[in-house]
Amino acid sequence: MNANQVLVVKCGGNHDVNATEICADIADLTQDGHQVVVVHGGSADIDSLAQRLDVPQRRMVSPDGVSARYTDEATMEVVTLALAGAVKPRLVAELQRRGVPAVGMTGMDAGMLQASRKTAHRALIDGRTVVVRDDHSGRIGEVRSELLTTLLSEGYVPVISPPAADEHGFPVNADADRAAAALATSLNADRLVLLTGAPGVLTDADDEDSVLDEYEVSGTAAPGEFARGGMALKLVAAREALQGGVPQVTVSDGRHENAVTDVLHGAGTQIVLTPGQEQAPDRNPEQNRSS
């Protein structure tokens, strides 16, 4: 295991992921000389807070079958409160308890994550194909990473989550896996680690022994036959990171101790691009520009 790697670690947001043990592992890795950026979502906390506030939650399915949260104005507020007000403080406190100088930020801080919000798009919602016009979500088009670079050089561990900022400076929801991919690309990270509630990509969702050592994703097509549920977006994020130049992307188990260290020793599913598709033909070269 090489020392002094730049690692971007996405900590999954469901209850199965053991955030306490992940923080303990990150503390050990920083002691060993690694520079670590933690990116988190918080689907379980968002759903719980939405229920408490009586804000209905819905899912959208894109034409290629990828599911995402339908973020209307009320849900945007819930997302911001849950991620910035609950999940992030827990992670920062756990890291600091272990001697890690963690700094919590959203993608809006210092304009770090710039996203473009679609004014209208087609999606399948509640079984019907509709044109969505009030969705407060967007795709990250630019990462301003100067602050992160400074923090890392001074020994801090940034802890980052959505929301991002749209072209008018307003908050927009952005998928945390894809945010992690954009950050890894901008920082020229050595590895992107996507931790989830499964040992990796499974050929059979009901059989954890069916985990694949390697999974090939197309540079242009939908993620593939084993991309079920939240795994689809992880594979989209993995593809974007690989196309952006991140040399290694792994989907692995975030439920046990030493989750990140185990990845560095070969655990999880290594994601690779279909040969000859190292860069998508229509990829915008400015997409992940660091200014």
Protein backbone atom coordinates (compact mmCIF):
# COMPACT_ATOMS: atom_id res chain seq x y z
CA MET A 1 0.00 0.00 0.00
CA ASN A 2 1.53 3.28 -1.13
CA ALA A 3 1.69 6.10 1.42
CA ASN A 4 0.56 9.66 0.77
CA GLN A 5 -2.29 8.79 -1.57
CA VAL A 6 -5.13 11.23 -2.13
CA LEU A 7 -8.32 9.29 -1.39
CA VAL A 8 -11.89 10.41 -1.91
CA VAL A 9 -14.18 8.27 0.24
CA LYS A 10 -17.94 8.34 -0.29
CA CYS A 11 -19.71 7.24 2.88
CA GLY A 12 -23.10 5.81 1.97
CA GLY A 13 -26.18 7.32 3.55
CA ASN A 14 -28.18 4.22 4.51
CA HIS A 15 -28.34 2.77 8.01
CA ASP A 16 -26.31 -0.31 7.06
CA VAL A 17 -23.12 1.70 6.54
CA ASN A 18 -21.03 1.88 9.73
CA ALA A 19 -19.96 5.52 9.77
CA THR A 20 -18.27 5.17 13.17
CA GLU A 21 -15.90 2.46 11.94
CA ILE A 22 -15.28 4.33 8.69
CA CYS A 23 -14.19 7.37 10.70
CA ALA A 24 -11.90 5.20 12.80
CA ASP A 25 -10.31 3.80 9.66
CA ILE A 26 -9.88 7.27 8.15
CA ALA A 27 -8.16 8.38 11.35
CA ASP A 28 -5.64 5.54 10.95
CA LEU A 29 -5.12 6.31 7.26
CA THR A 30 -4.40 9.98 7.90
CA GLN A 31 -1.91 8.95 10.56
CA ASP A 32 -0.21 6.84 7.88
CA GLY A 33 0.15 9.89 5.63
CA HIS A 34 -2.86 9.64 3.34
CA GLN A 35 -4.85 12.72 2.40
CA VAL A 36 -8.55 11.94 2.65
CA VAL A 37 -11.67 13.76 1.50
CA VAL A 38 -14.93 12.38 2.88
CA VAL A 39 -18.11 12.83 0.82
CA HIS A 40 -21.44 11.83 2.28
CA GLY A 41 -25.08 11.59 1.45
CA GLY A 42 -27.77 10.76 3.96
CA SER A 43 -30.79 9.09 2.41
CA ALA A 44 -31.91 7.53 5.68
CA ASP A 45 -31.72 10.84 7.55
CA ILE A 46 -33.47 12.68 4.72
CA ASP A 47 -36.32 10.17 4.70
CA SER A 48 -36.62 10.25 8.49
CA LEU A 49 -36.69 14.05 8.67
CA ALA A 50 -39.15 14.29 5.77
CA GLN A 51 -41.49 11.95 7.63
CA ARG A 52 -41.22 14.01 10.82
CA LEU A 53 -41.94 17.22 8.88
CA ASP A 54 -44.71 15.58 6.84
CA VAL A 55 -42.97 16.27 3.51
CA PRO A 56 -43.94 13.56 0.98
CA GLN A 57 -41.04 11.83 -0.76
CA ARG A 58 -41.10 10.55 -4.34
CA ARG A 59 -38.61 8.98 -6.73
CA MET A 60 -37.93 9.78 -10.36
CA VAL A 61 -36.72 7.22 -12.90
CA SER A 62 -34.78 8.53 -15.88
CA PRO A 63 -35.21 7.10 -19.40
CA ASP A 64 -32.16 4.85 -18.85
CA GLY A 65 -33.65 3.41 -15.65
CA VAL A 66 -31.63 5.31 -13.02
CA SER A 67 -33.66 6.27 -9.95
CA ALA A 68 -33.17 9.56 -8.08
CA ARG A 69 -34.92 11.62 -5.43
CA TYR A 70 -37.61 14.02 -6.68
CA THR A 71 -36.48 17.28 -5.06
CA ASP A 72 -39.25 19.85 -4.97
CA GLU A 73 -38.79 23.05 -2.94
CA ALA A 74 -39.86 21.50 0.37
CA THR A 75 -37.65 18.46 -0.13
CA MET A 76 -34.71 20.73 -0.97
CA GLU A 77 -35.06 22.27 2.47
CA VAL A 78 -35.24 18.81 4.06
CA VAL A 79 -32.13 17.66 2.17
CA THR A 80 -30.15 20.69 3.33
CA LEU A 81 -31.27 20.35 6.95
CA ALA A 82 -30.58 16.63 7.10
CA LEU A 83 -27.16 16.67 5.45
CA ALA A 84 -25.74 19.91 6.86
CA GLY A 85 -27.53 19.79 10.20
CA ALA A 86 -27.47 16.11 11.16
CA VAL A 87 -25.24 13.80 9.12
CA LYS A 88 -22.28 16.12 8.71
CA PRO A 89 -22.01 17.15 12.39
CA ARG A 90 -22.05 13.46 13.39
CA LEU A 91 -19.22 12.62 11.01
CA VAL A 92 -17.15 15.68 11.93
CA ALA A 93 -17.61 15.00 15.65
CA GLU A 94 -16.63 11.33 15.26
CA LEU A 95 -13.49 12.23 13.30
CA GLN A 96 -12.48 14.94 15.74
CA ARG A 97 -13.06 12.57 18.66
CA ARG A 98 -10.38 10.41 17.06
CA GLY A 99 -7.94 13.28 16.67
CA VAL A 100 -8.72 14.09 13.03
CA PRO A 101 -9.01 17.82 12.21
CA ALA A 102 -12.18 17.52 10.17
CA VAL A 103 -13.83 20.47 8.41
CA GLY A 104 -17.49 20.17 7.42
CA MET A 105 -18.67 21.91 4.24
CA THR A 106 -21.44 21.74 1.69
CA GLY A 107 -20.88 22.14 -2.01
CA MET A 108 -22.11 25.74 -1.70
CA ASP A 109 -19.24 26.80 0.55
CA ALA A 110 -16.72 28.85 -1.43
CA GLY A 111 -18.77 27.91 -4.51
CA MET A 112 -17.06 24.53 -4.44
CA LEU A 113 -19.63 22.55 -6.43
CA GLN A 114 -21.26 24.36 -9.33
CA ALA A 115 -24.25 22.62 -10.87
CA SER A 116 -26.65 23.30 -13.70
CA ARG A 117 -30.31 22.82 -12.89
CA LYS A 118 -32.57 21.46 -15.62
CA THR A 119 -35.63 23.62 -16.11
CA ALA A 120 -37.61 20.65 -17.45
CA HIS A 121 -36.97 16.96 -18.07
CA ARG A 122 -38.91 13.77 -18.62
CA ALA A 123 -39.09 11.18 -15.89
CA LEU A 124 -41.19 8.30 -14.65
CA ILE A 125 -42.89 9.28 -11.37
CA ASP A 126 -45.41 7.09 -9.58
CA GLY A 127 -45.71 4.97 -12.74
CA ARG A 128 -46.44 7.88 -15.09
CA THR A 129 -44.12 9.60 -17.58
CA VAL A 130 -44.28 13.32 -16.87
CA VAL A 131 -42.39 16.51 -17.65
CA VAL A 132 -40.83 17.68 -14.37
CA ARG A 133 -40.42 21.44 -13.99
CA ASP A 134 -40.03 21.97 -10.24
CA ASP A 135 -37.15 19.62 -9.50
CA HIS A 136 -34.40 21.37 -7.53
CA SER A 137 -31.60 19.04 -8.57
CA GLY A 138 -28.75 19.42 -10.96
CA ARG A 139 -25.61 17.94 -12.44
CA ILE A 140 -22.22 19.18 -11.31
CA GLY A 141 -20.39 20.99 -14.09
CA GLU A 142 -17.51 22.63 -12.25
CA VAL A 143 -15.47 22.00 -9.11
CA ARG A 144 -13.59 24.85 -7.49
CA SER A 145 -11.04 22.92 -5.51
CA GLU A 146 -8.57 25.56 -4.32
CA LEU A 147 -9.92 25.53 -0.76
CA LEU A 148 -9.84 21.73 -0.63
CA THR A 149 -6.26 21.65 -1.86
CA THR A 150 -5.25 24.13 0.83
CA LEU A 151 -7.04 22.19 3.55
CA LEU A 152 -5.47 18.91 2.50
CA SER A 153 -1.98 20.41 2.37
CA GLU A 154 -2.45 21.66 5.94
CA GLY A 155 -3.53 18.24 7.21
CA TYR A 156 -7.28 18.77 7.43
CA VAL A 157 -9.92 16.25 6.36
CA PRO A 158 -12.76 17.92 4.45
CA VAL A 159 -16.22 16.40 4.97
CA ILE A 160 -18.43 17.41 2.03
CA SER A 161 -22.04 16.91 0.98
CA PRO A 162 -24.68 18.42 -1.27
CA PRO A 163 -26.25 20.84 -1.87
CA ALA A 164 -24.36 22.37 -4.75
CA ALA A 165 -24.92 25.88 -6.10
CA ASP A 166 -26.76 26.49 -9.35
CA GLU A 167 -25.92 29.17 -11.91
CA HIS A 168 -27.80 31.75 -9.81
CA GLY A 169 -26.21 30.74 -6.51
CA PHE A 170 -29.26 28.87 -5.20
CA PRO A 171 -28.97 25.42 -3.60
CA VAL A 172 -29.65 22.36 -5.73
CA ASN A 173 -29.58 18.72 -4.79
CA ALA A 174 -26.82 16.69 -6.44
CA ASP A 175 -26.16 13.00 -6.19
CA ALA A 176 -23.44 12.47 -3.59
CA ASP A 177 -21.78 9.61 -5.50
CA ARG A 178 -21.43 11.79 -8.59
CA ALA A 179 -20.25 14.69 -6.44
CA ALA A 180 -17.55 12.41 -5.07
CA ALA A 181 -16.56 11.48 -8.63
CA ALA A 182 -16.32 15.14 -9.64
CA LEU A 183 -14.24 15.97 -6.58
CA ALA A 184 -11.91 13.01 -7.16
CA THR A 185 -11.40 14.13 -10.75
CA SER A 186 -10.72 17.74 -9.80
CA LEU A 187 -8.25 16.78 -7.07
CA ASN A 188 -6.42 14.26 -9.29
CA ALA A 189 -7.13 11.71 -6.58
CA ASP A 190 -5.37 8.36 -6.61
CA ARG A 191 -8.56 6.48 -5.80
CA LEU A 192 -12.30 6.92 -5.38
CA VAL A 193 -13.87 4.58 -2.82
CA LEU A 194 -17.65 4.20 -2.87
CA LEU A 195 -18.76 2.53 0.37
CA THR A 196 -22.20 0.99 0.55
CA GLY A 197 -24.29 -1.64 2.34
CA ALA A 198 -23.04 -4.52 0.18
CA PRO A 199 -19.62 -6.13 -0.41
CA GLY A 200 -19.51 -4.70 -3.95
CA VAL A 201 -21.36 -5.25 -7.21
CA LEU A 202 -23.44 -8.42 -6.90
CA THR A 203 -24.66 -10.68 -9.68
CA ASP A 204 -27.47 -11.76 -7.35
CA ALA A 205 -28.82 -9.08 -5.01
CA ASP A 206 -29.86 -11.77 -2.50
CA ASP A 207 -26.47 -13.51 -2.41
CA GLU A 208 -23.53 -11.56 -1.00
CA ASP A 209 -21.17 -14.32 -2.11
CA SER A 210 -21.95 -13.32 -5.70
CA VAL A 211 -19.76 -10.22 -5.43
CA LEU A 212 -17.63 -9.49 -8.49
CA ASP A 213 -13.91 -8.72 -8.25
CA GLU A 214 -14.20 -6.48 -11.31
CA TYR A 215 -17.07 -4.89 -13.17
CA GLU A 216 -16.88 -3.30 -16.59
CA VAL A 217 -18.99 -0.25 -17.39
CA SER A 218 -19.65 1.21 -20.81
CA GLY A 219 -18.45 4.73 -21.45
CA THR A 220 -21.76 5.71 -23.02
CA ALA A 221 -24.55 3.20 -22.32
CA ALA A 222 -26.64 2.48 -19.20
CA PRO A 223 -24.71 0.96 -16.26
CA GLY A 224 -25.58 -2.68 -17.03
CA GLU A 225 -27.54 -5.70 -15.89
CA PHE A 226 -26.32 -5.71 -12.28
CA ALA A 227 -27.02 -2.00 -11.72
CA ARG A 228 -30.01 -2.26 -9.39
CA GLY A 229 -31.37 0.46 -7.12
CA GLY A 230 -28.71 2.78 -5.73
CA MET A 231 -25.95 0.76 -7.38
CA ALA A 232 -26.89 2.26 -10.76
CA LEU A 233 -25.89 5.77 -9.69
CA LYS A 234 -22.70 4.46 -8.10
CA LEU A 235 -21.72 2.91 -11.41
CA VAL A 236 -22.57 6.12 -13.27
CA ALA A 237 -20.35 7.98 -10.78
CA ALA A 238 -17.58 5.41 -11.21
CA ARG A 239 -17.71 5.83 -14.97
CA GLU A 240 -17.48 9.61 -14.68
CA ALA A 241 -14.49 9.38 -12.35
CA LEU A 242 -12.65 6.97 -14.64
CA GLN A 243 -13.37 9.13 -17.67
CA GLY A 244 -12.09 12.09 -15.69
CA GLY A 245 -8.75 10.40 -15.11
CA VAL A 246 -9.12 8.85 -11.65
CA PRO A 247 -6.98 5.71 -11.96
CA GLN A 248 -8.85 3.45 -9.51
CA VAL A 249 -12.51 3.32 -8.50
CA THR A 250 -13.86 0.69 -6.11
CA VAL A 251 -17.33 -0.11 -4.78
CA SER A 252 -17.01 -1.86 -1.45
CA ASP A 253 -18.55 -2.78 1.89
CA GLY A 254 -19.02 0.04 4.38
CA ARG A 255 -20.58 -2.05 7.12
CA HIS A 256 -17.48 -3.27 8.95
CA GLU A 257 -14.23 -1.98 10.42
CA ASN A 258 -11.23 -1.13 8.22
CA ALA A 259 -13.50 -0.67 5.21
CA VAL A 260 -11.23 1.77 3.36
CA THR A 261 -8.00 0.00 4.32
CA ASP A 262 -9.46 -3.26 3.04
CA VAL A 263 -10.12 -1.59 -0.33
CA LEU A 264 -6.47 -0.57 -0.52
CA HIS A 265 -5.64 -4.26 -0.03
CA GLY A 266 -7.99 -5.45 -2.78
CA ALA A 267 -11.47 -5.72 -1.25
CA GLY A 268 -14.63 -4.80 -3.12
CA THR A 269 -15.39 -4.54 -6.82
CA GLN A 270 -12.91 -2.70 -9.01
CA ILE A 271 -14.76 -0.71 -11.68
CA VAL A 272 -13.17 -0.46 -15.12
CA LEU A 273 -14.24 1.08 -18.40
CA THR A 274 -14.97 -0.95 -21.49
CA PRO A 275 -11.70 -0.95 -23.49
CA GLY A 276 -11.57 1.86 -26.01
CA GLN A 277 -14.09 3.98 -24.07
CA GLU A 278 -11.73 5.73 -21.69
CA GLN A 279 -13.45 9.01 -22.57
CA ALA A 280 -17.06 9.49 -23.58
CA PRO A 281 -17.29 10.92 -27.13
CA ASP A 282 -19.55 13.83 -26.10
CA ARG A 283 -17.88 14.59 -22.77
CA ASN A 284 -17.53 18.29 -22.11
CA PRO A 285 -13.86 19.04 -21.35
CA GLU A 286 -14.98 21.83 -19.00
CA GLN A 287 -17.27 19.51 -17.01
CA ASN A 288 -14.94 18.98 -14.07
CA ARG A 289 -12.67 21.98 -14.50
CA SER A 290 -11.01 23.28 -11.37
CA SER A 291 -10.82 27.06 -11.43
